[in-house]
Amino acid sequence: MAKYILEQAGGINWMAIFALLTFFTIFSVSVWMVFRKNNSTIKHMESLPLED
């Protein structure tokens, strides 16, 4: 039924919907990975450019 409704809606650009879903998925995974990191890993990564 959903397919029939979408077909009747007119010119839906499926590539744009696919690109939006891909972007949202990658963004969500990235945010999840950032919040999952522990504080010691973040401190180590931020001090790397200053080390010899």
N, C-alpha and C. Protein backbone atom coordinates (compact mmCIF):
# COMPACT_ATOMS: atom_id res chain seq x y z
N MET A 1 0.81 -1.18 0.00
CA MET A 1 0.00 0.00 0.00
C MET A 1 0.86 1.26 0.00
N ALA A 2 1.95 1.25 0.78
CA ALA A 2 2.83 2.42 0.81
C ALA A 2 3.45 2.67 -0.55
N LYS A 3 3.78 1.60 -1.26
CA LYS A 3 4.36 1.76 -2.59
C LYS A 3 3.35 2.41 -3.53
N TYR A 4 2.11 2.02 -3.44
CA TYR A 4 1.07 2.61 -4.29
C TYR A 4 0.90 4.10 -3.99
N ILE A 5 0.93 4.46 -2.72
CA ILE A 5 0.79 5.87 -2.33
C ILE A 5 1.97 6.67 -2.86
N LEU A 6 3.17 6.13 -2.73
CA LEU A 6 4.35 6.85 -3.21
C LEU A 6 4.35 6.99 -4.73
N GLU A 7 3.87 5.98 -5.44
CA GLU A 7 3.80 6.07 -6.90
C GLU A 7 2.81 7.13 -7.34
N GLN A 8 1.74 7.31 -6.61
CA GLN A 8 0.73 8.29 -6.97
C GLN A 8 1.11 9.71 -6.55
N ALA A 9 2.14 9.86 -5.72
CA ALA A 9 2.52 11.16 -5.20
C ALA A 9 3.18 12.04 -6.26
N GLY A 10 3.64 11.47 -7.34
CA GLY A 10 4.28 12.26 -8.37
C GLY A 10 5.76 11.98 -8.46
N GLY A 11 6.47 12.96 -8.98
CA GLY A 11 7.89 12.79 -9.25
C GLY A 11 8.75 12.78 -8.00
N ILE A 12 8.83 11.64 -7.36
CA ILE A 12 9.69 11.50 -6.18
C ILE A 12 11.07 11.09 -6.69
N ASN A 13 12.05 11.84 -6.29
CA ASN A 13 13.42 11.55 -6.69
C ASN A 13 14.01 10.53 -5.72
N TRP A 14 14.09 9.28 -6.15
CA TRP A 14 14.55 8.21 -5.27
C TRP A 14 16.02 8.35 -4.93
N MET A 15 16.81 8.93 -5.83
CA MET A 15 18.23 9.12 -5.54
C MET A 15 18.42 10.15 -4.42
N ALA A 16 17.59 11.17 -4.38
CA ALA A 16 17.68 12.16 -3.31
C ALA A 16 17.30 11.55 -1.96
N ILE A 17 16.29 10.72 -1.96
CA ILE A 17 15.89 10.05 -0.72
C ILE A 17 16.99 9.10 -0.25
N PHE A 18 17.59 8.38 -1.18
CA PHE A 18 18.69 7.47 -0.85
C PHE A 18 19.88 8.26 -0.30
N ALA A 19 20.21 9.39 -0.91
CA ALA A 19 21.33 10.22 -0.43
C ALA A 19 21.03 10.76 0.96
N LEU A 20 19.82 11.18 1.21
CA LEU A 20 19.44 11.69 2.52
C LEU A 20 19.54 10.60 3.58
N LEU A 21 19.06 9.43 3.28
CA LEU A 21 19.14 8.31 4.23
C LEU A 21 20.58 7.90 4.50
N THR A 22 21.41 7.92 3.45
CA THR A 22 22.82 7.59 3.62
C THR A 22 23.51 8.61 4.51
N PHE A 23 23.25 9.90 4.25
CA PHE A 23 23.84 10.94 5.08
C PHE A 23 23.40 10.81 6.53
N PHE A 24 22.12 10.60 6.75
CA PHE A 24 21.60 10.49 8.11
C PHE A 24 22.20 9.29 8.83
N THR A 25 22.38 8.19 8.13
CA THR A 25 22.96 6.99 8.73
C THR A 25 24.41 7.23 9.13
N ILE A 26 25.20 7.81 8.22
CA ILE A 26 26.61 8.06 8.52
C ILE A 26 26.75 9.08 9.64
N PHE A 27 25.92 10.12 9.62
CA PHE A 27 25.97 11.13 10.67
C PHE A 27 25.60 10.53 12.02
N SER A 28 24.58 9.70 12.06
CA SER A 28 24.15 9.08 13.31
C SER A 28 25.22 8.16 13.87
N VAL A 29 25.84 7.38 13.02
CA VAL A 29 26.90 6.47 13.47
C VAL A 29 28.10 7.27 13.98
N SER A 30 28.43 8.37 13.31
CA SER A 30 29.55 9.20 13.75
C SER A 30 29.28 9.81 15.12
N VAL A 31 28.10 10.34 15.33
CA VAL A 31 27.75 10.93 16.62
C VAL A 31 27.76 9.86 17.70
N TRP A 32 27.25 8.69 17.39
CA TRP A 32 27.24 7.59 18.36
C TRP A 32 28.66 7.19 18.75
N MET A 33 29.58 7.13 17.77
CA MET A 33 30.96 6.76 18.05
C MET A 33 31.66 7.82 18.90
N VAL A 34 31.36 9.09 18.65
CA VAL A 34 31.99 10.16 19.44
C VAL A 34 31.55 10.08 20.90
N PHE A 35 30.28 9.89 21.13
CA PHE A 35 29.80 9.84 22.51
C PHE A 35 30.17 8.54 23.22
N ARG A 36 30.55 7.54 22.46
CA ARG A 36 30.93 6.26 23.05
C ARG A 36 32.38 6.24 23.52
N LYS A 37 33.21 7.13 22.98
CA LYS A 37 34.63 7.16 23.36
C LYS A 37 34.77 7.57 24.82
N ASN A 38 35.78 6.99 25.48
CA ASN A 38 36.01 7.37 26.86
C ASN A 38 36.92 8.59 26.92
N ASN A 39 36.97 9.23 28.05
CA ASN A 39 37.67 10.50 28.20
C ASN A 39 39.18 10.35 28.03
N SER A 40 39.75 9.26 28.45
CA SER A 40 41.21 9.09 28.34
C SER A 40 41.65 9.00 26.87
N THR A 41 40.86 8.39 26.03
CA THR A 41 41.18 8.32 24.61
C THR A 41 41.14 9.71 23.98
N ILE A 42 40.17 10.51 24.35
CA ILE A 42 40.06 11.86 23.81
C ILE A 42 41.23 12.71 24.27
N LYS A 43 41.62 12.61 25.53
CA LYS A 43 42.77 13.36 26.04
C LYS A 43 44.06 12.95 25.31
N HIS A 44 44.23 11.67 25.06
CA HIS A 44 45.41 11.20 24.34
C HIS A 44 45.43 11.75 22.91
N MET A 45 44.31 11.71 22.23
CA MET A 45 44.24 12.19 20.85
C MET A 45 44.47 13.70 20.75
N GLU A 46 43.99 14.47 21.73
CA GLU A 46 44.17 15.92 21.64
C GLU A 46 45.59 16.35 21.96
N SER A 47 46.37 15.51 22.66
CA SER A 47 47.74 15.87 22.97
C SER A 47 48.74 15.35 21.93
N LEU A 48 48.33 14.56 20.99
CA LEU A 48 49.25 14.00 19.99
C LEU A 48 49.98 15.07 19.18
N PRO A 49 49.36 16.14 18.70
CA PRO A 49 50.11 17.11 17.90
C PRO A 49 51.18 17.85 18.71
N LEU A 50 51.08 17.87 20.01
CA LEU A 50 52.02 18.62 20.84
C LEU A 50 53.20 17.78 21.29
N GLU A 51 53.14 16.47 21.11
CA GLU A 51 54.22 15.60 21.53
C GLU A 51 55.32 15.59 20.49
N ASP A 52 56.55 15.29 20.92
CA ASP A 52 57.71 15.22 20.00
C ASP A 52 57.77 13.88 19.33
